[in-house]
Structures are given as structure tokens and as C-alpha cells.
PDB file of N, CA and C in Angstrom:
ATOM      1  N   MET A   1     -40.075  -0.469   9.822  1.00  0.00           N
ATOM      2  CA  MET A   1     -39.398  -0.051   8.647  1.00  0.00           C
ATOM      3  C   MET A   1     -38.568  -1.253   8.240  1.00  0.00           C
ATOM      4  N   ALA A   2     -38.615  -1.575   6.946  1.00  0.00           N
ATOM      5  CA  ALA A   2     -37.924  -2.770   6.421  1.00  0.00           C
ATOM      6  C   ALA A   2     -36.493  -2.378   6.085  1.00  0.00           C
ATOM      7  N   ILE A   3     -35.614  -3.291   6.362  1.00  0.00           N
ATOM      8  CA  ILE A   3     -34.234  -3.057   6.025  1.00  0.00           C
ATOM      9  C   ILE A   3     -33.990  -3.586   4.675  1.00  0.00           C
ATOM     10  N   PRO A   4     -33.335  -2.795   3.830  1.00  0.00           N
ATOM     11  CA  PRO A   4     -33.187  -3.248   2.317  1.00  0.00           C
ATOM     12  C   PRO A   4     -32.185  -4.412   2.317  1.00  0.00           C
ATOM     13  N   LYS A   5     -32.396  -5.397   1.373  1.00  0.00           N
ATOM     14  CA  LYS A   5     -31.570  -6.533   1.222  1.00  0.00           C
ATOM     15  C   LYS A   5     -30.185  -6.072   0.853  1.00  0.00           C
ATOM     16  N   GLN A   6     -29.165  -6.847   1.294  1.00  0.00           N
ATOM     17  CA  GLN A   6     -27.819  -6.569   0.899  1.00  0.00           C
ATOM     18  C   GLN A   6     -27.651  -7.034  -0.537  1.00  0.00           C
ATOM     19  N   THR A   7     -27.003  -6.142  -1.339  1.00  0.00           N
ATOM     20  CA  THR A   7     -26.630  -6.536  -2.633  1.00  0.00           C
ATOM     21  C   THR A   7     -25.220  -6.868  -2.788  1.00  0.00           C
ATOM     22  N   GLN A   8     -24.793  -7.366  -3.879  1.00  0.00           N
ATOM     23  CA  GLN A   8     -23.373  -7.761  -4.116  1.00  0.00           C
ATOM     24  C   GLN A   8     -22.540  -6.514  -4.017  1.00  0.00           C
ATOM     25  N   PRO A   9     -21.332  -6.598  -3.465  1.00  0.00           N
ATOM     26  CA  PRO A   9     -20.437  -5.384  -3.445  1.00  0.00           C
ATOM     27  C   PRO A   9     -20.058  -4.984  -4.860  1.00  0.00           C
ATOM     28  N   VAL A  10     -19.889  -3.681  -5.003  1.00  0.00           N
ATOM     29  CA  VAL A  10     -19.396  -3.192  -6.385  1.00  0.00           C
ATOM     30  C   VAL A  10     -17.994  -3.661  -6.561  1.00  0.00           C
ATOM     31  N   GLN A  11     -17.693  -4.290  -7.679  1.00  0.00           N
ATOM     32  CA  GLN A  11     -16.445  -4.753  -8.017  1.00  0.00           C
ATOM     33  C   GLN A  11     -15.663  -3.541  -8.656  1.00  0.00           C
ATOM     34  N   ARG A  12     -14.533  -3.167  -8.095  1.00  0.00           N
ATOM     35  CA  ARG A  12     -13.763  -2.031  -8.667  1.00  0.00           C
ATOM     36  C   ARG A  12     -12.493  -2.557  -9.251  1.00  0.00           C
ATOM     37  N   ASP A  13     -11.949  -1.811 -10.190  1.00  0.00           N
ATOM     38  CA  ASP A  13     -10.645  -2.085 -10.730  1.00  0.00           C
ATOM     39  C   ASP A  13      -9.653  -1.916  -9.707  1.00  0.00           C
ATOM     40  N   LYS A  14      -8.496  -2.619  -9.840  1.00  0.00           N
ATOM     41  CA  LYS A  14      -7.380  -2.287  -8.959  1.00  0.00           C
ATOM     42  C   LYS A  14      -6.645  -1.072  -9.355  1.00  0.00           C
ATOM     43  N   ALA A  15      -7.054  -0.473 -10.425  1.00  0.00           N
ATOM     44  CA  ALA A  15      -6.333   0.711 -10.823  1.00  0.00           C
ATOM     45  C   ALA A  15      -6.440   1.871  -9.924  1.00  0.00           C
ATOM     46  N   SER A  16      -5.466   2.720  -9.892  1.00  0.00           N
ATOM     47  CA  SER A  16      -5.530   3.840  -8.937  1.00  0.00           C
ATOM     48  C   SER A  16      -6.433   4.913  -9.401  1.00  0.00           C
ATOM     49  N   LEU A  17      -6.795   5.766  -8.456  1.00  0.00           N
ATOM     50  CA  LEU A  17      -7.710   6.890  -8.769  1.00  0.00           C
ATOM     51  C   LEU A  17      -6.848   8.129  -8.913  1.00  0.00           C
ATOM     52  N   ASN A  18      -6.972   8.814 -10.004  1.00  0.00           N
ATOM     53  CA  ASN A  18      -6.252  10.064 -10.287  1.00  0.00           C
ATOM     54  C   ASN A  18      -7.181  11.248 -10.227  1.00  0.00           C
ATOM     55  N   ILE A  19      -6.851  12.189  -9.449  1.00  0.00           N
ATOM     56  CA  ILE A  19      -7.729  13.399  -9.262  1.00  0.00           C
ATOM     57  C   ILE A  19      -6.895  14.575  -9.683  1.00  0.00           C
ATOM     58  N   SER A  20      -7.431  15.457 -10.566  1.00  0.00           N
ATOM     59  CA  SER A  20      -6.773  16.650 -11.009  1.00  0.00           C
ATOM     60  C   SER A  20      -7.090  17.798 -10.193  1.00  0.00           C
ATOM     61  N   LEU A  21      -6.143  18.437  -9.625  1.00  0.00           N
ATOM     62  CA  LEU A  21      -6.361  19.540  -8.741  1.00  0.00           C
ATOM     63  C   LEU A  21      -5.340  20.674  -9.154  1.00  0.00           C
ATOM     64  N   PRO A  22      -5.669  21.891  -8.750  1.00  0.00           N
ATOM     65  CA  PRO A  22      -4.734  23.070  -9.062  1.00  0.00           C
ATOM     66  C   PRO A  22      -3.676  23.150  -7.975  1.00  0.00           C
ATOM     67  N   ILE A  23      -2.716  22.188  -8.120  1.00  0.00           N
ATOM     68  CA  ILE A  23      -1.610  22.142  -7.202  1.00  0.00           C
ATOM     69  C   ILE A  23      -0.261  22.237  -8.001  1.00  0.00           C
ATOM     70  N   SER A  24       0.841  22.424  -7.389  1.00  0.00           N
ATOM     71  CA  SER A  24       2.057  22.671  -8.073  1.00  0.00           C
ATOM     72  C   SER A  24       2.815  21.416  -8.347  1.00  0.00           C
ATOM     73  N   GLU A  25       2.514  20.342  -7.668  1.00  0.00           N
ATOM     74  CA  GLU A  25       3.224  19.094  -7.923  1.00  0.00           C
ATOM     75  C   GLU A  25       2.317  17.881  -7.741  1.00  0.00           C
ATOM     76  N   ASP A  26       2.558  16.795  -8.375  1.00  0.00           N
ATOM     77  CA  ASP A  26       1.832  15.575  -8.155  1.00  0.00           C
ATOM     78  C   ASP A  26       2.107  14.982  -6.764  1.00  0.00           C
ATOM     79  N   ILE A  27       1.120  14.562  -6.007  1.00  0.00           N
ATOM     80  CA  ILE A  27       1.327  14.067  -4.699  1.00  0.00           C
ATOM     81  C   ILE A  27       0.317  12.969  -4.410  1.00  0.00           C
ATOM     82  N   GLY A  28       0.721  11.982  -3.693  1.00  0.00           N
ATOM     83  CA  GLY A  28      -0.176  10.905  -3.315  1.00  0.00           C
ATOM     84  C   GLY A  28      -0.885  11.201  -2.044  1.00  0.00           C
ATOM     85  N   LEU A  29      -1.978  10.481  -1.858  1.00  0.00           N
ATOM     86  CA  LEU A  29      -2.695  10.670  -0.510  1.00  0.00           C
ATOM     87  C   LEU A  29      -1.873  10.350   0.694  1.00  0.00           C
ATOM     88  N   GLY A  30      -0.980   9.335   0.625  1.00  0.00           N
ATOM     89  CA  GLY A  30      -0.167   9.000   1.737  1.00  0.00           C
ATOM     90  C   GLY A  30       0.836  10.075   2.113  1.00  0.00           C
ATOM     91  N   ASP A  31       1.396  10.687   1.045  1.00  0.00           N
ATOM     92  CA  ASP A  31       2.338  11.799   1.215  1.00  0.00           C
ATOM     93  C   ASP A  31       1.611  12.987   1.826  1.00  0.00           C
ATOM     94  N   SER A  32       0.396  13.208   1.335  1.00  0.00           N
ATOM     95  CA  SER A  32      -0.380  14.343   1.916  1.00  0.00           C
ATOM     96  C   SER A  32      -0.604  14.120   3.433  1.00  0.00           C
ATOM     97  N   ILE A  33      -1.079  12.978   3.794  1.00  0.00           N
ATOM     98  CA  ILE A  33      -1.312  12.694   5.203  1.00  0.00           C
ATOM     99  C   ILE A  33      -0.047  12.748   5.956  1.00  0.00           C
ATOM    100  N   GLN A  34       1.119  12.267   5.413  1.00  0.00           N
ATOM    101  CA  GLN A  34       2.399  12.291   6.115  1.00  0.00           C
ATOM    102  C   GLN A  34       2.845  13.707   6.368  1.00  0.00           C
ATOM    103  N   LYS A  35       2.684  14.615   5.343  1.00  0.00           N
ATOM    104  CA  LYS A  35       3.035  16.016   5.536  1.00  0.00           C
ATOM    105  C   LYS A  35       2.205  16.657   6.609  1.00  0.00           C
ATOM    106  N   LEU A  36       0.902  16.335   6.618  1.00  0.00           N
ATOM    107  CA  LEU A  36      -0.043  16.955   7.588  1.00  0.00           C
ATOM    108  C   LEU A  36       0.289  16.507   9.002  1.00  0.00           C
ATOM    109  N   THR A  37       0.511  15.189   9.253  1.00  0.00           N
ATOM    110  CA  THR A  37       0.850  14.683  10.536  1.00  0.00           C
ATOM    111  C   THR A  37       2.222  15.212  11.011  1.00  0.00           C
ATOM    112  N   SER A  38       3.148  15.332  10.145  1.00  0.00           N
ATOM    113  CA  SER A  38       4.460  15.859  10.372  1.00  0.00           C
ATOM    114  C   SER A  38       4.380  17.343  10.946  1.00  0.00           C
ATOM    115  N   LYS A  39       3.523  18.174  10.194  1.00  0.00           N
ATOM    116  CA  LYS A  39       3.319  19.521  10.630  1.00  0.00           C
ATOM    117  C   LYS A  39       2.654  19.592  12.038  1.00  0.00           C
ATOM    118  N   MET A  40       1.830  18.585  12.371  1.00  0.00           N
ATOM    119  CA  MET A  40       1.220  18.497  13.613  1.00  0.00           C
ATOM    120  C   MET A  40       2.095  17.999  14.762  1.00  0.00           C
ATOM    121  N   GLY A  41       3.311  17.578  14.395  1.00  0.00           N
ATOM    122  CA  GLY A  41       4.322  17.157  15.357  1.00  0.00           C
ATOM    123  C   GLY A  41       4.439  15.666  15.595  1.00  0.00           C
ATOM    124  N   PHE A  42       3.686  14.795  14.749  1.00  0.00           N
ATOM    125  CA  PHE A  42       3.789  13.386  14.877  1.00  0.00           C
ATOM    126  C   PHE A  42       5.063  12.921  14.109  1.00  0.00           C
ATOM    127  N   LYS A  43       5.752  12.026  14.685  1.00  0.00           N
ATOM    128  CA  LYS A  43       6.943  11.410  14.027  1.00  0.00           C
ATOM    129  C   LYS A  43       6.503  10.187  13.188  1.00  0.00           C
ATOM    130  N   SER A  44       7.133  10.043  12.063  1.00  0.00           N
ATOM    131  CA  SER A  44       6.843   8.931  11.184  1.00  0.00           C
ATOM    132  C   SER A  44       7.602   7.690  11.564  1.00  0.00           C
ATOM    133  N   CYS A  45       6.953   6.524  11.453  1.00  0.00           N
ATOM    134  CA  CYS A  45       7.568   5.317  11.777  1.00  0.00           C
ATOM    135  C   CYS A  45       7.557   4.417  10.513  1.00  0.00           C
ATOM    136  N   SER A  46       8.077   3.215  10.628  1.00  0.00           N
ATOM    137  CA  SER A  46       8.072   2.335   9.467  1.00  0.00           C
ATOM    138  C   SER A  46       6.675   1.897   9.033  1.00  0.00           C
ATOM    139  N   SER A  47       5.798   1.712   9.892  1.00  0.00           N
ATOM    140  CA  SER A  47       4.331   1.371   9.573  1.00  0.00           C
ATOM    141  C   SER A  47       3.709   2.625   8.850  1.00  0.00           C
ATOM    142  N   CYS A  48       4.018   3.752   9.259  1.00  0.00           N
ATOM    143  CA  CYS A  48       3.547   4.993   8.614  1.00  0.00           C
ATOM    144  C   CYS A  48       4.017   5.068   7.176  1.00  0.00           C
ATOM    145  N   SER A  49       5.284   4.758   6.970  1.00  0.00           N
ATOM    146  CA  SER A  49       5.842   4.756   5.626  1.00  0.00           C
ATOM    147  C   SER A  49       5.203   3.717   4.703  1.00  0.00           C
ATOM    148  N   ARG A  50       4.991   2.518   5.216  1.00  0.00           N
ATOM    149  CA  ARG A  50       4.276   1.496   4.425  1.00  0.00           C
ATOM    150  C   ARG A  50       2.933   1.893   4.120  1.00  0.00           C
ATOM    151  N   ARG A  51       2.162   2.448   5.092  1.00  0.00           N
ATOM    152  CA  ARG A  51       0.791   2.903   4.866  1.00  0.00           C
ATOM    153  C   ARG A  51       0.739   3.987   3.790  1.00  0.00           C
ATOM    154  N   ALA A  52       1.688   4.906   3.945  1.00  0.00           N
ATOM    155  CA  ALA A  52       1.735   6.091   2.926  1.00  0.00           C
ATOM    156  C   ALA A  52       2.012   5.520   1.538  1.00  0.00           C
ATOM    157  N   ALA A  53       2.875   4.556   1.397  1.00  0.00           N
ATOM    158  CA  ALA A  53       3.162   4.009   0.100  1.00  0.00           C
ATOM    159  C   ALA A  53       1.878   3.316  -0.499  1.00  0.00           C
ATOM    160  N   ARG A  54       1.139   2.597   0.368  1.00  0.00           N
ATOM    161  CA  ARG A  54      -0.108   1.953  -0.186  1.00  0.00           C
ATOM    162  C   ARG A  54      -1.081   2.969  -0.562  1.00  0.00           C
ATOM    163  N   LEU A  55      -1.199   3.992   0.232  1.00  0.00           N
ATOM    164  CA  LEU A  55      -2.233   5.106  -0.089  1.00  0.00           C
ATOM    165  C   LEU A  55      -1.811   5.823  -1.315  1.00  0.00           C
ATOM    166  N   ASN A  56      -0.596   6.027  -1.553  1.00  0.00           N
ATOM    167  CA  ASN A  56      -0.005   6.637  -2.809  1.00  0.00           C
ATOM    168  C   ASN A  56      -0.338   5.885  -4.001  1.00  0.00           C
ATOM    169  N   ASN A  57      -0.287   4.599  -3.884  1.00  0.00           N
ATOM    170  CA  ASN A  57      -0.616   3.682  -4.979  1.00  0.00           C
ATOM    171  C   ASN A  57      -2.109   3.673  -5.311  1.00  0.00           C
ATOM    172  N   LEU A  58      -2.925   3.923  -4.308  1.00  0.00           N
ATOM    173  CA  LEU A  58      -4.427   3.995  -4.508  1.00  0.00           C
ATOM    174  C   LEU A  58      -4.900   5.328  -5.032  1.00  0.00           C
ATOM    175  N   ILE A  59      -4.434   6.510  -4.514  1.00  0.00           N
ATOM    176  CA  ILE A  59      -4.941   7.741  -4.949  1.00  0.00           C
ATOM    177  C   ILE A  59      -3.763   8.693  -5.087  1.00  0.00           C
ATOM    178  N   GLN A  60      -3.767   9.353  -6.322  1.00  0.00           N
ATOM    179  CA  GLN A  60      -2.779  10.371  -6.584  1.00  0.00           C
ATOM    180  C   GLN A  60      -3.545  11.677  -6.951  1.00  0.00           C
ATOM    181  N   PHE A  61      -3.017  12.750  -6.448  1.00  0.00           N
ATOM    182  CA  PHE A  61      -3.562  14.017  -6.788  1.00  0.00           C
ATOM    183  C   PHE A  61      -2.554  14.604  -7.962  1.00  0.00           C
ATOM    184  N   LYS A  62      -3.136  14.827  -9.075  1.00  0.00           N
ATOM    185  CA  LYS A  62      -2.285  15.313 -10.194  1.00  0.00           C
ATOM    186  C   LYS A  62      -2.465  16.793 -10.438  1.00  0.00           C
ATOM    187  N   THR A  63      -1.472  17.411 -10.950  1.00  0.00           N
ATOM    188  CA  THR A  63      -1.546  18.801 -11.176  1.00  0.00           C
ATOM    189  C   THR A  63      -2.448  19.021 -12.463  1.00  0.00           C
ATOM    190  N   ASN A  64      -3.137  20.027 -12.501  1.00  0.00           N
ATOM    191  CA  ASN A  64      -4.061  20.438 -13.654  1.00  0.00           C
ATOM    192  C   ASN A  64      -3.200  21.025 -14.684  1.00  0.00           C
ATOM    193  N   ARG A  65      -2.805  20.201 -15.678  1.00  0.00           N
ATOM    194  CA  ARG A  65      -1.862  20.726 -16.718  1.00  0.00           C
ATOM    195  C   ARG A  65      -2.658  21.446 -17.832  1.00  0.00           C
ATOM    196  N   ASN A  66      -3.987  21.539 -17.774  1.00  0.00           N
ATOM    197  CA  ASN A  66      -4.793  22.168 -18.843  1.00  0.00           C
ATOM    198  C   ASN A  66      -4.870  23.637 -18.607  1.00  0.00           C
ATOM    199  N   GLY A  67      -4.358  24.144 -17.632  1.00  0.00           N
ATOM    200  CA  GLY A  67      -4.426  25.600 -17.436  1.00  0.00           C
ATOM    201  C   GLY A  67      -4.816  25.990 -16.077  1.00  0.00           C
TER     202      GLY A  67
END
């Protein structure tokens, strides 16, 4: 079986990804993960907070304001 040739990686904008969901408040991926791990009993550290901030800048879950 032949292995396909590697192609150039897809170049993406540095813009963040916004996802519309039926939620009550806008929340970033980092905050979502932080809430989940907190509920599981993990304590947050400075590295966790920096990681959460970076993830929040990449992906935000937005409220569905259309109904």
C-alpha cells in the first residue's frame, strides 16, 4: 500500500473560532475545561490559568441569540 505524499499544511487565520450553542452565557474553551476539572476536584495553578486564557482566545462558545 502506497503512503500518500505529504502536502503543505493548511494555513489558517489567527482569528478565533466562534461556535454558537444554546447556552446561557458566552464561555471560552479554557473556562469550560477549568470548570470541568474543578468539579472533578483538580486545583487550578498558574499554568492552568495561562492555558485557559490561550484556549479562550482560540475558541469561544457564544450564546445563540437568534432564538
